[in-house]
Amino acid sequence: MRAGRVWATRPRMSVLIFTSTISVIFASSLLYVPQLAVPLFSDRDHPQAWVRWIDSNLTYTSPSRIYLTVYFALIVAFTFFYVSITFNPAEIADNLRKYGGFVPGIRPGRPTAEHLSYVLSRLTAPGSVYLGVLALFPNDRAEADQD
């Protein structure tokens, strides 16, 4: 704090890491639900077509292109969903205004909230794609080890 002003601080990295961890956990958990349903609703002696499809396409032990694509899409979707729940630009803008902080070049209040929302969406889009690609690396490595 200097001369009654509050200076902007760097974003907390722990929030970004927590968001990425939650997105990957949600995506992998949701992809595991069909595998849990197979033993509950199917006959192992005479498996139905949907059981064979799940066994061949949605199994983590031998990931197919469909599994990897759905996994990537779920990670991107959950990243946007979780960020939209946890980060409220209007609340951040209001707190900045209350405590004398500001974003240089942006008026306090609603314009700051709109700017924060714009910046958040611009940062979340490449961040979620990066996270999705990063989460696919172990699967690509497992696929290369099987060949």
N, C-alpha and C. Protein backbone atom coordinates (compact mmCIF):
# COMPACT_ATOMS: atom_id res chain seq x y z
N MET A 1 0.85 -1.16 0.00
CA MET A 1 0.00 0.00 0.00
C MET A 1 0.90 1.23 0.00
N ARG A 2 0.56 2.16 -0.82
CA ARG A 2 1.35 3.36 -0.97
C ARG A 2 0.44 4.56 -1.08
N ALA A 3 0.59 5.53 -0.20
CA ALA A 3 -0.16 6.79 -0.24
C ALA A 3 -1.66 6.55 -0.38
N GLY A 4 -2.19 5.58 0.37
CA GLY A 4 -3.63 5.35 0.36
C GLY A 4 -4.12 4.58 -0.84
N ARG A 5 -3.25 4.03 -1.66
CA ARG A 5 -3.68 3.28 -2.83
C ARG A 5 -3.38 1.79 -2.64
N VAL A 6 -4.22 1.00 -3.20
CA VAL A 6 -3.99 -0.45 -3.19
C VAL A 6 -3.52 -0.83 -4.58
N TRP A 7 -2.37 -1.45 -4.64
CA TRP A 7 -1.82 -1.85 -5.93
C TRP A 7 -2.27 -3.26 -6.26
N ALA A 8 -2.49 -3.49 -7.52
CA ALA A 8 -2.93 -4.81 -7.96
C ALA A 8 -1.83 -5.83 -7.68
N THR A 9 -2.25 -7.02 -7.30
CA THR A 9 -1.30 -8.09 -7.04
C THR A 9 -1.37 -9.11 -8.15
N ARG A 10 -0.38 -9.97 -8.17
CA ARG A 10 -0.35 -11.02 -9.18
C ARG A 10 -1.43 -12.05 -8.86
N PRO A 11 -1.99 -12.71 -9.89
CA PRO A 11 -3.00 -13.73 -9.62
C PRO A 11 -2.39 -14.89 -8.85
N ARG A 12 -3.19 -15.50 -8.04
CA ARG A 12 -2.70 -16.62 -7.24
C ARG A 12 -2.61 -17.86 -8.11
N MET A 13 -1.42 -18.43 -8.15
CA MET A 13 -1.20 -19.62 -8.95
C MET A 13 -1.95 -20.81 -8.39
N SER A 14 -2.16 -20.85 -7.07
CA SER A 14 -2.85 -21.98 -6.47
C SER A 14 -4.28 -22.10 -7.00
N VAL A 15 -4.93 -20.99 -7.29
CA VAL A 15 -6.28 -21.04 -7.84
C VAL A 15 -6.25 -21.66 -9.23
N LEU A 16 -5.26 -21.30 -10.04
CA LEU A 16 -5.16 -21.86 -11.38
C LEU A 16 -4.86 -23.34 -11.34
N ILE A 17 -3.97 -23.77 -10.45
CA ILE A 17 -3.63 -25.18 -10.35
C ILE A 17 -4.82 -25.97 -9.82
N PHE A 18 -5.54 -25.43 -8.83
CA PHE A 18 -6.70 -26.09 -8.28
C PHE A 18 -7.77 -26.28 -9.34
N THR A 19 -7.98 -25.26 -10.15
CA THR A 19 -8.97 -25.35 -11.22
C THR A 19 -8.60 -26.44 -12.21
N SER A 20 -7.34 -26.52 -12.58
CA SER A 20 -6.94 -27.53 -13.54
C SER A 20 -7.07 -28.92 -12.97
N THR A 21 -6.76 -29.09 -11.69
CA THR A 21 -6.87 -30.40 -11.07
C THR A 21 -8.32 -30.85 -11.01
N ILE A 22 -9.20 -29.96 -10.63
CA ILE A 22 -10.62 -30.29 -10.54
C ILE A 22 -11.17 -30.68 -11.91
N SER A 23 -10.78 -29.98 -12.96
CA SER A 23 -11.28 -30.27 -14.30
C SER A 23 -10.89 -31.66 -14.75
N VAL A 24 -9.66 -32.04 -14.51
CA VAL A 24 -9.18 -33.36 -14.92
C VAL A 24 -9.87 -34.44 -14.09
N ILE A 25 -10.05 -34.19 -12.79
CA ILE A 25 -10.72 -35.17 -11.94
C ILE A 25 -12.17 -35.36 -12.36
N PHE A 26 -12.88 -34.27 -12.62
CA PHE A 26 -14.27 -34.38 -13.08
C PHE A 26 -14.36 -35.14 -14.40
N ALA A 27 -13.50 -34.81 -15.34
CA ALA A 27 -13.56 -35.47 -16.65
C ALA A 27 -13.28 -36.96 -16.54
N SER A 28 -12.25 -37.32 -15.80
CA SER A 28 -11.93 -38.75 -15.69
C SER A 28 -13.01 -39.50 -14.91
N SER A 29 -13.60 -38.85 -13.91
CA SER A 29 -14.68 -39.49 -13.16
C SER A 29 -15.91 -39.71 -14.02
N LEU A 30 -16.25 -38.72 -14.82
CA LEU A 30 -17.42 -38.86 -15.69
C LEU A 30 -17.20 -39.92 -16.76
N LEU A 31 -15.98 -40.05 -17.24
CA LEU A 31 -15.68 -41.09 -18.24
C LEU A 31 -15.68 -42.48 -17.63
N TYR A 32 -15.53 -42.56 -16.33
CA TYR A 32 -15.51 -43.87 -15.68
C TYR A 32 -16.92 -44.41 -15.42
N VAL A 33 -17.93 -43.55 -15.44
CA VAL A 33 -19.30 -43.97 -15.15
C VAL A 33 -19.80 -45.07 -16.11
N PRO A 34 -19.59 -44.97 -17.44
CA PRO A 34 -20.03 -46.08 -18.30
C PRO A 34 -19.35 -47.40 -17.97
N GLN A 35 -18.09 -47.36 -17.57
CA GLN A 35 -17.40 -48.59 -17.20
C GLN A 35 -17.97 -49.20 -15.92
N LEU A 36 -18.47 -48.34 -15.03
CA LEU A 36 -19.12 -48.83 -13.82
C LEU A 36 -20.49 -49.44 -14.13
N ALA A 37 -21.15 -48.92 -15.15
CA ALA A 37 -22.49 -49.39 -15.50
C ALA A 37 -22.45 -50.76 -16.19
N VAL A 38 -21.36 -51.08 -16.82
CA VAL A 38 -21.27 -52.35 -17.57
C VAL A 38 -21.52 -53.56 -16.68
N PRO A 39 -20.82 -53.74 -15.57
CA PRO A 39 -21.10 -54.94 -14.76
C PRO A 39 -22.47 -54.92 -14.08
N LEU A 40 -23.03 -53.73 -13.87
CA LEU A 40 -24.32 -53.65 -13.21
C LEU A 40 -25.49 -54.01 -14.12
N PHE A 41 -25.41 -53.62 -15.38
CA PHE A 41 -26.56 -53.76 -16.27
C PHE A 41 -26.33 -54.71 -17.44
N SER A 42 -25.31 -55.51 -17.39
CA SER A 42 -25.07 -56.37 -18.55
C SER A 42 -24.86 -57.81 -18.11
N ASP A 43 -24.95 -58.68 -19.09
CA ASP A 43 -24.72 -60.10 -18.89
C ASP A 43 -23.36 -60.43 -19.49
N ARG A 44 -22.43 -60.89 -18.67
CA ARG A 44 -21.06 -61.16 -19.14
C ARG A 44 -21.00 -62.36 -20.10
N ASP A 45 -21.92 -63.29 -19.97
CA ASP A 45 -21.91 -64.46 -20.87
C ASP A 45 -22.31 -64.07 -22.29
N HIS A 46 -23.29 -63.19 -22.40
CA HIS A 46 -23.78 -62.73 -23.70
C HIS A 46 -23.83 -61.21 -23.69
N PRO A 47 -22.69 -60.54 -23.89
CA PRO A 47 -22.68 -59.07 -23.80
C PRO A 47 -23.45 -58.42 -24.95
N GLN A 48 -24.19 -57.37 -24.60
CA GLN A 48 -24.93 -56.64 -25.62
C GLN A 48 -23.96 -55.77 -26.42
N ALA A 49 -24.49 -55.15 -27.46
CA ALA A 49 -23.66 -54.31 -28.34
C ALA A 49 -23.10 -53.10 -27.59
N TRP A 50 -23.91 -52.49 -26.72
CA TRP A 50 -23.42 -51.30 -26.01
C TRP A 50 -22.30 -51.65 -25.04
N VAL A 51 -22.32 -52.86 -24.50
CA VAL A 51 -21.24 -53.28 -23.60
C VAL A 51 -19.95 -53.47 -24.38
N ARG A 52 -20.05 -54.10 -25.55
CA ARG A 52 -18.86 -54.28 -26.40
C ARG A 52 -18.31 -52.93 -26.86
N TRP A 53 -19.22 -51.97 -27.16
CA TRP A 53 -18.76 -50.65 -27.60
C TRP A 53 -18.04 -49.92 -26.48
N ILE A 54 -18.58 -49.99 -25.27
CA ILE A 54 -17.92 -49.34 -24.13
C ILE A 54 -16.58 -50.01 -23.84
N ASP A 55 -16.55 -51.33 -23.89
CA ASP A 55 -15.29 -52.04 -23.64
C ASP A 55 -14.22 -51.71 -24.68
N SER A 56 -14.63 -51.45 -25.89
CA SER A 56 -13.63 -51.17 -26.93
C SER A 56 -13.29 -49.68 -27.08
N ASN A 57 -14.20 -48.79 -26.67
CA ASN A 57 -13.97 -47.36 -26.92
C ASN A 57 -13.79 -46.50 -25.68
N LEU A 58 -14.31 -46.89 -24.54
CA LEU A 58 -14.26 -46.03 -23.36
C LEU A 58 -13.51 -46.67 -22.20
N THR A 59 -12.45 -47.37 -22.49
CA THR A 59 -11.65 -48.01 -21.46
C THR A 59 -10.33 -47.27 -21.33
N TYR A 60 -9.96 -46.95 -20.09
CA TYR A 60 -8.72 -46.21 -19.85
C TYR A 60 -7.49 -47.06 -20.14
N THR A 61 -7.58 -48.35 -19.93
CA THR A 61 -6.40 -49.21 -20.09
C THR A 61 -5.93 -49.26 -21.54
N SER A 62 -6.83 -49.17 -22.48
CA SER A 62 -6.45 -49.08 -23.89
C SER A 62 -7.25 -47.96 -24.54
N PRO A 63 -6.82 -46.71 -24.35
CA PRO A 63 -7.62 -45.57 -24.81
C PRO A 63 -7.72 -45.50 -26.34
N SER A 64 -8.93 -45.35 -26.81
CA SER A 64 -9.16 -45.20 -28.24
C SER A 64 -9.22 -43.72 -28.58
N ARG A 65 -9.35 -43.42 -29.85
CA ARG A 65 -9.46 -42.02 -30.29
C ARG A 65 -10.74 -41.38 -29.73
N ILE A 66 -11.81 -42.17 -29.65
CA ILE A 66 -13.06 -41.66 -29.10
C ILE A 66 -12.86 -41.29 -27.63
N TYR A 67 -12.22 -42.14 -26.86
CA TYR A 67 -11.96 -41.87 -25.44
C TYR A 67 -11.14 -40.61 -25.29
N LEU A 68 -10.08 -40.48 -26.06
CA LEU A 68 -9.20 -39.31 -25.95
C LEU A 68 -9.92 -38.03 -26.34
N THR A 69 -10.75 -38.10 -27.38
CA THR A 69 -11.50 -36.92 -27.82
C THR A 69 -12.53 -36.49 -26.76
N VAL A 70 -13.26 -37.45 -26.23
CA VAL A 70 -14.25 -37.14 -25.20
C VAL A 70 -13.56 -36.62 -23.93
N TYR A 71 -12.43 -37.22 -23.57
CA TYR A 71 -11.67 -36.79 -22.40
C TYR A 71 -11.21 -35.34 -22.57
N PHE A 72 -10.66 -35.02 -23.73
CA PHE A 72 -10.21 -33.66 -24.02
C PHE A 72 -11.38 -32.67 -23.96
N ALA A 73 -12.50 -33.01 -24.60
CA ALA A 73 -13.67 -32.12 -24.61
C ALA A 73 -14.23 -31.91 -23.20
N LEU A 74 -14.26 -32.96 -22.39
CA LEU A 74 -14.75 -32.82 -21.03
C LEU A 74 -13.84 -31.94 -20.18
N ILE A 75 -12.54 -32.06 -20.36
CA ILE A 75 -11.60 -31.22 -19.61
C ILE A 75 -11.80 -29.76 -19.97
N VAL A 76 -11.93 -29.46 -21.26
CA VAL A 76 -12.15 -28.08 -21.69
C VAL A 76 -13.48 -27.57 -21.13
N ALA A 77 -14.53 -28.37 -21.21
CA ALA A 77 -15.84 -27.94 -20.73
C ALA A 77 -15.84 -27.73 -19.21
N PHE A 78 -15.25 -28.65 -18.48
CA PHE A 78 -15.22 -28.51 -17.02
C PHE A 78 -14.33 -27.36 -16.57
N THR A 79 -13.30 -27.05 -17.33
CA THR A 79 -12.46 -25.90 -16.99
C THR A 79 -13.28 -24.62 -17.09
N PHE A 80 -14.01 -24.45 -18.19
CA PHE A 80 -14.87 -23.27 -18.34
C PHE A 80 -15.95 -23.24 -17.25
N PHE A 81 -16.55 -24.38 -16.99
CA PHE A 81 -17.62 -24.46 -15.99
C PHE A 81 -17.09 -24.09 -14.61
N TYR A 82 -15.97 -24.65 -14.23
CA TYR A 82 -15.44 -24.41 -12.89
C TYR A 82 -14.96 -22.97 -12.71
N VAL A 83 -14.34 -22.43 -13.74
CA VAL A 83 -13.90 -21.03 -13.66
C VAL A 83 -15.10 -20.10 -13.58
N SER A 84 -16.16 -20.41 -14.30
CA SER A 84 -17.35 -19.55 -14.24
C SER A 84 -18.02 -19.60 -12.86
N ILE A 85 -17.87 -20.69 -12.15
CA ILE A 85 -18.45 -20.81 -10.82
C ILE A 85 -17.58 -20.12 -9.77
N THR A 86 -16.27 -20.29 -9.86
CA THR A 86 -15.39 -19.83 -8.80
C THR A 86 -14.95 -18.38 -8.94
N PHE A 87 -14.90 -17.84 -10.12
CA PHE A 87 -14.40 -16.48 -10.33
C PHE A 87 -15.56 -15.59 -10.75
N ASN A 88 -15.92 -14.64 -9.90
CA ASN A 88 -17.02 -13.73 -10.16
C ASN A 88 -16.44 -12.34 -10.48
N PRO A 89 -16.40 -11.94 -11.76
CA PRO A 89 -15.81 -10.66 -12.11
C PRO A 89 -16.51 -9.47 -11.45
N ALA A 90 -17.82 -9.53 -11.27
CA ALA A 90 -18.53 -8.41 -10.64
C ALA A 90 -18.10 -8.25 -9.18
N GLU A 91 -17.91 -9.36 -8.48
CA GLU A 91 -17.47 -9.29 -7.09
C GLU A 91 -16.04 -8.76 -6.99
N ILE A 92 -15.17 -9.20 -7.88
CA ILE A 92 -13.78 -8.73 -7.88
C ILE A 92 -13.74 -7.23 -8.19
N ALA A 93 -14.53 -6.79 -9.16
CA ALA A 93 -14.57 -5.37 -9.51
C ALA A 93 -15.11 -4.54 -8.34
N ASP A 94 -16.12 -5.07 -7.67
CA ASP A 94 -16.67 -4.36 -6.51
C ASP A 94 -15.64 -4.27 -5.38
N ASN A 95 -14.92 -5.35 -5.13
CA ASN A 95 -13.88 -5.33 -4.10
C ASN A 95 -12.75 -4.37 -4.46
N LEU A 96 -12.38 -4.33 -5.73
CA LEU A 96 -11.35 -3.38 -6.16
C LEU A 96 -11.80 -1.94 -5.90
N ARG A 97 -13.05 -1.66 -6.23
CA ARG A 97 -13.58 -0.31 -6.04
C ARG A 97 -13.66 0.05 -4.56
N LYS A 98 -14.10 -0.90 -3.73
CA LYS A 98 -14.23 -0.65 -2.29
C LYS A 98 -12.90 -0.30 -1.64
N TYR A 99 -11.87 -1.00 -2.05
CA TYR A 99 -10.57 -0.84 -1.39
C TYR A 99 -9.62 0.08 -2.14
N GLY A 100 -10.14 0.81 -3.11
CA GLY A 100 -9.34 1.82 -3.79
C GLY A 100 -8.45 1.30 -4.89
N GLY A 101 -8.58 0.06 -5.26
CA GLY A 101 -7.79 -0.50 -6.34
C GLY A 101 -8.42 -0.19 -7.69
N PHE A 102 -7.68 -0.40 -8.73
CA PHE A 102 -8.20 -0.14 -10.06
C PHE A 102 -7.38 -0.90 -11.09
N VAL A 103 -7.96 -1.03 -12.26
CA VAL A 103 -7.26 -1.57 -13.42
C VAL A 103 -6.90 -0.36 -14.27
N PRO A 104 -5.62 -0.15 -14.55
CA PRO A 104 -5.24 1.05 -15.31
C PRO A 104 -5.96 1.13 -16.65
N GLY A 105 -6.55 2.30 -16.90
CA GLY A 105 -7.25 2.54 -18.16
C GLY A 105 -8.70 2.11 -18.18
N ILE A 106 -9.18 1.50 -17.10
CA ILE A 106 -10.56 1.03 -17.02
C ILE A 106 -11.23 1.70 -15.83
N ARG A 107 -12.45 2.21 -16.06
CA ARG A 107 -13.18 2.87 -14.98
C ARG A 107 -13.65 1.84 -13.96
N PRO A 108 -13.73 2.22 -12.68
CA PRO A 108 -14.19 1.29 -11.65
C PRO A 108 -15.66 0.91 -11.85
N GLY A 109 -16.04 -0.23 -11.29
CA GLY A 109 -17.43 -0.67 -11.34
C GLY A 109 -17.70 -1.62 -12.48
N ARG A 110 -18.80 -1.36 -13.19
CA ARG A 110 -19.23 -2.26 -14.26
C ARG A 110 -18.21 -2.39 -15.39
N PRO A 111 -17.56 -1.29 -15.85
CA PRO A 111 -16.55 -1.47 -16.91
C PRO A 111 -15.40 -2.39 -16.47
N THR A 112 -15.02 -2.33 -15.19
CA THR A 112 -13.97 -3.22 -14.69
C THR A 112 -14.45 -4.66 -14.71
N ALA A 113 -15.69 -4.90 -14.31
CA ALA A 113 -16.24 -6.26 -14.33
C ALA A 113 -16.29 -6.80 -15.75
N GLU A 114 -16.70 -5.97 -16.71
CA GLU A 114 -16.74 -6.41 -18.11
C GLU A 114 -15.33 -6.71 -18.63
N HIS A 115 -14.38 -5.88 -18.24
CA HIS A 115 -13.00 -6.11 -18.66
C HIS A 115 -12.45 -7.40 -18.05
N LEU A 116 -12.71 -7.61 -16.76
CA LEU A 116 -12.25 -8.84 -16.11
C LEU A 116 -12.89 -10.08 -16.74
N SER A 117 -14.15 -9.99 -17.09
CA SER A 117 -14.84 -11.10 -17.75
C SER A 117 -14.23 -11.39 -19.11
N TYR A 118 -13.94 -10.32 -19.85
CA TYR A 118 -13.31 -10.47 -21.17
C TYR A 118 -11.93 -11.12 -21.05
N VAL A 119 -11.14 -10.62 -20.10
CA VAL A 119 -9.79 -11.16 -19.91
C VAL A 119 -9.86 -12.61 -19.43
N LEU A 120 -10.81 -12.89 -18.56
CA LEU A 120 -10.96 -14.25 -18.04
C LEU A 120 -11.29 -15.24 -19.16
N SER A 121 -12.20 -14.86 -20.04
CA SER A 121 -12.53 -15.77 -21.14
C SER A 121 -11.36 -15.93 -22.11
N ARG A 122 -10.61 -14.86 -22.31
CA ARG A 122 -9.44 -14.94 -23.20
C ARG A 122 -8.33 -15.79 -22.59
N LEU A 123 -8.23 -15.82 -21.28
CA LEU A 123 -7.22 -16.65 -20.63
C LEU A 123 -7.68 -18.09 -20.44
N THR A 124 -8.96 -18.28 -20.22
CA THR A 124 -9.47 -19.63 -19.97
C THR A 124 -9.46 -20.47 -21.24
N ALA A 125 -9.73 -19.87 -22.38
CA ALA A 125 -9.77 -20.64 -23.63
C ALA A 125 -8.43 -21.32 -23.94
N PRO A 126 -7.33 -20.60 -24.05
CA PRO A 126 -6.07 -21.31 -24.33
C PRO A 126 -5.61 -22.15 -23.13
N GLY A 127 -5.94 -21.72 -21.93
CA GLY A 127 -5.55 -22.50 -20.75
C GLY A 127 -6.25 -23.84 -20.70
N SER A 128 -7.51 -23.89 -21.06
CA SER A 128 -8.24 -25.15 -21.04
C SER A 128 -7.76 -26.08 -22.15
N VAL A 129 -7.44 -25.52 -23.31
CA VAL A 129 -6.90 -26.35 -24.40
C VAL A 129 -5.53 -26.90 -24.00
N TYR A 130 -4.70 -26.06 -23.40
CA TYR A 130 -3.39 -26.50 -22.94
C TYR A 130 -3.53 -27.61 -21.90
N LEU A 131 -4.46 -27.44 -20.97
CA LEU A 131 -4.69 -28.44 -19.94
C LEU A 131 -5.16 -29.76 -20.56
N GLY A 132 -6.06 -29.67 -21.55
CA GLY A 132 -6.52 -30.87 -22.22
C GLY A 132 -5.41 -31.61 -22.93
N VAL A 133 -4.56 -30.86 -23.62
CA VAL A 133 -3.42 -31.49 -24.31
C VAL A 133 -2.45 -32.09 -23.29
N LEU A 134 -2.20 -31.38 -22.22
CA LEU A 134 -1.30 -31.86 -21.18
C LEU A 134 -1.83 -33.14 -20.53
N ALA A 135 -3.14 -33.23 -20.33
CA ALA A 135 -3.74 -34.42 -19.74
C ALA A 135 -3.70 -35.61 -20.68
N LEU A 136 -3.57 -35.37 -21.99
CA LEU A 136 -3.52 -36.47 -22.95
C LEU A 136 -2.12 -37.08 -23.07
N PHE A 137 -1.09 -36.40 -22.60
CA PHE A 137 0.27 -36.93 -22.74
C PHE A 137 0.46 -38.30 -22.11
N PRO A 138 0.00 -38.55 -20.89
CA PRO A 138 0.17 -39.91 -20.34
C PRO A 138 -0.54 -40.97 -21.17
N ASN A 139 -1.68 -40.63 -21.77
CA ASN A 139 -2.39 -41.59 -22.61
C ASN A 139 -1.62 -41.88 -23.89
N ASP A 140 -1.02 -40.84 -24.48
CA ASP A 140 -0.21 -41.07 -25.68
C ASP A 140 1.01 -41.91 -25.35
N ARG A 141 1.58 -41.69 -24.19
CA ARG A 141 2.76 -42.47 -23.76
C ARG A 141 2.38 -43.93 -23.54
N ALA A 142 1.21 -44.17 -22.93
CA ALA A 142 0.75 -45.54 -22.71
C ALA A 142 0.48 -46.23 -24.04
N GLU A 143 -0.05 -45.45 -25.00
CA GLU A 143 -0.33 -46.00 -26.33
C GLU A 143 0.96 -46.35 -27.05
N ALA A 144 2.00 -45.51 -26.90
CA ALA A 144 3.30 -45.77 -27.53
C ALA A 144 3.98 -46.97 -26.89
N ASP A 145 3.81 -47.17 -25.59
CA ASP A 145 4.41 -48.31 -24.91
C ASP A 145 3.77 -49.63 -25.34
N GLN A 146 2.49 -49.60 -25.71
CA GLN A 146 1.80 -50.82 -26.13
C GLN A 146 2.24 -51.27 -27.53
N ASP A 147 2.70 -50.33 -28.36
CA ASP A 147 3.10 -50.68 -29.73
C ASP A 147 4.42 -51.37 -29.81
